[in-house]
Amino acid sequence: MKKVILVFAVLFGVMACKKDTVNKVEVTEARDVIEVEESEAVLVDAEHSMVVWKGFKPGKEHYGLIGISEGTISLKNGHIIGGSFKFDMNSISNTDMPKDDPYNEKLVRHLKSSDFFDARKYPVATFEITDINEEGGDLNIGGNLTIKETTKNINIPVAMVENNGVVTLKSEVFTVDRTDFDVRYGSGKFFDNLKDNLINDEFELSFEVKATKH
């Protein structure tokens, strides 16, 4: 199965109650996407890229992957200057349980339902780069993340390495508040007396994206 990035991330999972917040990204209004000129466009290798999601509820956690359908990284003089990615929301998978576990199928079906990401109605999520910030060896990428009908801008710390024509973008683990993208199921912000049915608004994401020069 194709696995991927972003995102952007999308993504995206059974989110839940967690004691600590890891690198929570600030969510702001959408910004203008970078218009790239005179660059080298490198296509993402979906088979060797992935986004990992991890979500929590009282006493439990689940994690898995989301696939990418396509993507492009724009380079100039060895530096990233733009890019965009599309995520296949129907590829959401859970990897903390065996595939033949009945609850695995139930969980994935629920994530794809209208309670969460409504993958039938919104089969694609997107991430489009709006800002590139390099300072002191640190690289941060800002971009518009669209989930369902909501687009917000987030900023992600990443590292980029090029080796033998393979460009790798790898993020640190970061957290996103799903309710910013109208994913409200089990959220204590919108529902009372959830008790053990409470699901944390914040979920963890990390990604590694590979693109090969041709």
Protein backbone atom coordinates (compact mmCIF):
# COMPACT_ATOMS: atom_id res chain seq x y z
CA MET A 1 0.00 0.00 0.00
CA LYS A 2 1.21 3.45 -0.82
CA LYS A 3 2.31 5.26 2.27
CA VAL A 4 3.26 8.84 2.79
CA ILE A 5 3.69 12.23 4.20
CA LEU A 6 1.95 15.03 5.26
CA VAL A 7 0.28 16.62 6.48
CA PHE A 8 0.05 17.25 6.07
CA ALA A 9 -1.33 14.95 7.47
CA VAL A 10 -2.87 14.63 7.57
CA LEU A 11 -3.60 13.88 8.85
CA PHE A 12 -5.38 12.34 11.22
CA GLY A 13 -6.33 9.42 13.51
CA VAL A 14 -8.09 8.46 16.68
CA MET A 15 -6.91 11.38 18.79
CA ALA A 16 -7.02 11.42 22.54
CA CYS A 17 -6.19 12.23 26.09
CA LYS A 18 -2.48 12.84 26.53
CA LYS A 19 -0.39 14.23 29.35
CA ASP A 20 2.28 16.02 27.32
CA THR A 21 2.11 18.10 24.16
CA VAL A 22 4.91 17.42 21.66
CA ASN A 23 5.87 20.38 19.45
CA LYS A 24 2.33 21.66 19.01
CA VAL A 25 2.09 23.63 15.77
CA GLU A 26 0.28 26.93 15.62
CA VAL A 27 -2.70 26.90 13.29
CA THR A 28 -3.40 30.19 11.49
CA GLU A 29 -5.45 31.35 8.54
CA ALA A 30 -4.51 30.16 5.04
CA ARG A 31 -1.78 32.07 3.22
CA ASP A 32 -0.78 32.54 -0.41
CA VAL A 33 1.01 29.54 -1.89
CA ILE A 34 4.56 30.07 -3.20
CA GLU A 35 4.58 30.51 -6.98
CA VAL A 36 7.70 28.70 -8.14
CA GLU A 37 9.67 29.84 -11.19
CA GLU A 38 12.87 28.43 -12.70
CA SER A 39 13.15 25.48 -10.35
CA GLU A 40 13.77 21.77 -10.54
CA ALA A 41 10.56 19.86 -9.84
CA VAL A 42 11.13 16.49 -8.15
CA LEU A 43 8.26 14.00 -7.96
CA VAL A 44 7.59 12.33 -4.61
CA ASP A 45 8.26 8.59 -4.44
CA ALA A 46 5.02 7.51 -2.79
CA GLU A 47 6.15 3.92 -2.22
CA HIS A 48 9.03 5.07 -0.02
CA SER A 49 7.36 7.96 1.81
CA MET A 50 5.05 7.89 4.78
CA VAL A 51 3.09 9.86 7.36
CA VAL A 52 2.72 8.35 10.79
CA TRP A 53 -0.25 9.37 12.95
CA LYS A 54 -0.75 8.67 16.64
CA GLY A 55 -3.83 9.44 18.74
CA PHE A 56 -4.88 8.98 22.34
CA LYS A 57 -7.84 8.45 24.64
CA PRO A 58 -7.92 7.59 28.37
CA GLY A 59 -5.66 4.58 28.84
CA LYS A 60 -5.28 3.87 25.12
CA GLU A 61 -3.39 4.95 22.04
CA HIS A 62 -3.51 3.99 18.38
CA TYR A 63 -1.20 4.71 15.48
CA GLY A 64 -0.90 4.06 11.77
CA LEU A 65 -0.16 5.45 8.32
CA ILE A 66 -1.71 7.59 5.58
CA GLY A 67 -0.80 7.27 1.90
CA ILE A 68 0.12 9.93 -0.60
CA SER A 69 -1.38 9.94 -4.07
CA GLU A 70 1.06 12.45 -5.59
CA GLY A 71 3.42 15.27 -4.72
CA THR A 72 6.14 17.57 -5.98
CA ILE A 73 9.14 19.20 -4.31
CA SER A 74 10.61 22.27 -6.05
CA LEU A 75 14.36 22.81 -5.64
CA LYS A 76 16.77 25.59 -6.58
CA ASN A 77 20.52 25.40 -5.97
CA GLY A 78 19.98 22.47 -3.63
CA HIS A 79 17.37 24.24 -1.50
CA ILE A 80 13.64 23.58 -1.28
CA ILE A 81 11.63 26.57 -2.53
CA GLY A 82 8.13 25.10 -2.87
CA GLY A 83 6.00 22.04 -3.27
CA SER A 84 2.61 20.44 -2.83
CA PHE A 85 1.23 17.05 -1.79
CA LYS A 86 -2.04 15.14 -2.01
CA PHE A 87 -3.01 12.55 0.61
CA ASP A 88 -5.24 9.56 0.00
CA MET A 89 -7.62 9.60 2.96
CA ASN A 90 -9.03 6.22 1.96
CA SER A 91 -5.57 4.73 2.61
CA ILE A 92 -5.73 5.39 6.38
CA SER A 93 -4.42 2.32 8.18
CA ASN A 94 -3.85 1.19 11.76
CA THR A 95 -0.56 -0.56 12.56
CA ASP A 96 -0.69 -1.18 16.32
CA MET A 97 -2.96 -4.23 15.87
CA PRO A 98 -2.80 -7.24 13.53
CA LYS A 99 -4.61 -6.68 10.24
CA ASP A 100 -6.91 -9.62 10.93
CA ASP A 101 -7.98 -8.23 14.32
CA PRO A 102 -11.72 -7.36 13.98
CA TYR A 103 -11.22 -4.17 15.98
CA ASN A 104 -8.56 -3.00 13.51
CA GLU A 105 -11.10 -3.02 10.68
CA LYS A 106 -13.71 -1.37 12.91
CA LEU A 107 -11.30 1.40 13.93
CA VAL A 108 -10.19 2.16 10.36
CA ARG A 109 -13.80 2.17 9.14
CA HIS A 110 -14.68 4.65 11.89
CA LEU A 111 -11.76 6.95 10.98
CA LYS A 112 -12.96 7.03 7.37
CA SER A 113 -16.56 7.73 8.40
CA SER A 114 -18.27 11.12 8.71
CA ASP A 115 -17.49 11.10 12.47
CA PHE A 116 -13.87 11.79 11.55
CA PHE A 117 -12.52 12.40 8.04
CA ASP A 118 -15.47 11.41 5.84
CA ALA A 119 -13.15 9.84 3.27
CA ARG A 120 -15.96 8.96 0.88
CA LYS A 121 -16.98 12.62 0.54
CA TYR A 122 -13.46 14.05 0.97
CA PRO A 123 -11.06 11.43 -0.42
CA VAL A 124 -8.11 13.82 -0.71
CA ALA A 125 -6.37 16.09 1.78
CA THR A 126 -3.70 18.53 0.58
CA PHE A 127 -0.64 20.41 1.78
CA GLU A 128 0.74 23.35 -0.25
CA ILE A 129 3.93 25.12 0.79
CA THR A 130 3.59 28.84 1.55
CA ASP A 131 6.81 29.67 3.42
CA ILE A 132 10.39 28.40 3.67
CA ASN A 133 12.50 29.53 6.62
CA GLU A 134 16.16 28.51 6.97
CA GLU A 135 18.17 29.90 9.87
CA GLY A 136 21.16 28.54 11.73
CA GLY A 137 20.88 25.19 10.02
CA ASP A 138 17.22 24.80 10.99
CA LEU A 139 14.54 24.41 8.33
CA ASN A 140 10.86 25.21 8.85
CA ILE A 141 8.19 24.76 6.21
CA GLY A 142 4.89 26.63 6.36
CA GLY A 143 1.96 25.39 4.34
CA ASN A 144 -1.78 25.31 3.82
CA LEU A 145 -3.25 22.05 5.10
CA THR A 146 -6.72 21.25 3.78
CA ILE A 147 -8.83 18.58 5.48
CA LYS A 148 -12.44 18.14 4.43
CA GLU A 149 -13.53 21.73 3.61
CA THR A 150 -11.19 23.55 6.00
CA THR A 151 -7.83 25.08 5.05
CA LYS A 152 -5.43 26.32 7.72
CA ASN A 153 -1.75 27.24 7.72
CA ILE A 154 0.75 25.32 9.85
CA ASN A 155 4.52 25.53 10.31
CA ILE A 156 6.56 22.32 10.56
CA PRO A 157 10.22 21.80 11.60
CA VAL A 158 11.94 19.49 9.08
CA ALA A 159 15.33 18.31 7.92
CA MET A 160 16.29 17.91 4.24
CA VAL A 161 19.07 15.68 2.94
CA GLU A 162 20.08 14.91 -0.64
CA ASN A 163 22.09 11.75 -1.32
CA ASN A 164 22.78 10.20 -4.72
CA GLY A 165 19.84 11.97 -6.32
CA VAL A 166 17.36 11.10 -3.55
CA VAL A 167 15.88 14.06 -1.65
CA THR A 168 14.55 13.22 1.82
CA LEU A 169 12.35 15.50 3.93
CA LYS A 170 11.92 14.29 7.50
CA SER A 171 9.92 16.03 10.22
CA GLU A 172 10.13 16.01 13.96
CA VAL A 173 7.09 14.67 15.80
CA PHE A 174 4.51 17.47 16.07
CA THR A 175 0.90 17.82 17.18
CA VAL A 176 -2.17 19.31 15.51
CA ASP A 177 -5.58 20.08 17.01
CA ARG A 178 -8.11 18.16 14.89
CA THR A 179 -10.99 20.44 15.88
CA ASP A 180 -9.31 23.25 13.92
CA PHE A 181 -10.27 21.17 10.87
CA ASP A 182 -13.85 20.46 12.00
CA VAL A 183 -13.10 16.92 13.23
CA ARG A 184 -15.11 17.03 16.47
CA TYR A 185 -16.12 13.46 17.34
CA GLY A 186 -15.48 12.75 21.04
CA SER A 187 -14.06 16.22 21.70
CA GLY A 188 -14.47 17.67 25.18
CA LYS A 189 -14.74 21.12 23.60
CA PHE A 190 -18.08 20.26 22.01
CA PHE A 191 -19.58 17.39 24.05
CA ASP A 192 -20.22 16.96 27.79
CA ASN A 193 -19.95 13.89 30.04
CA LEU A 194 -17.90 11.85 27.58
CA LYS A 195 -15.95 10.04 30.33
CA ASP A 196 -14.12 7.06 28.75
CA ASN A 197 -15.42 8.11 25.33
CA LEU A 198 -13.34 11.29 25.42
CA ILE A 199 -10.80 11.54 22.59
CA ASN A 200 -7.99 14.07 22.78
CA ASP A 201 -8.22 16.95 20.34
CA GLU A 202 -4.48 16.86 19.70
CA PHE A 203 -2.83 14.08 17.71
CA GLU A 204 0.79 13.43 16.82
CA LEU A 205 2.17 13.39 13.29
CA SER A 206 5.57 12.77 11.77
CA PHE A 207 6.63 12.11 8.23
CA GLU A 208 9.46 11.10 5.96
CA VAL A 209 9.12 11.98 2.29
CA LYS A 210 11.47 10.78 -0.42
CA ALA A 211 11.71 12.20 -3.93
CA THR A 212 14.05 10.91 -6.61
CA LYS A 213 15.70 13.08 -9.25
CA HIS A 214 15.48 11.72 -12.77
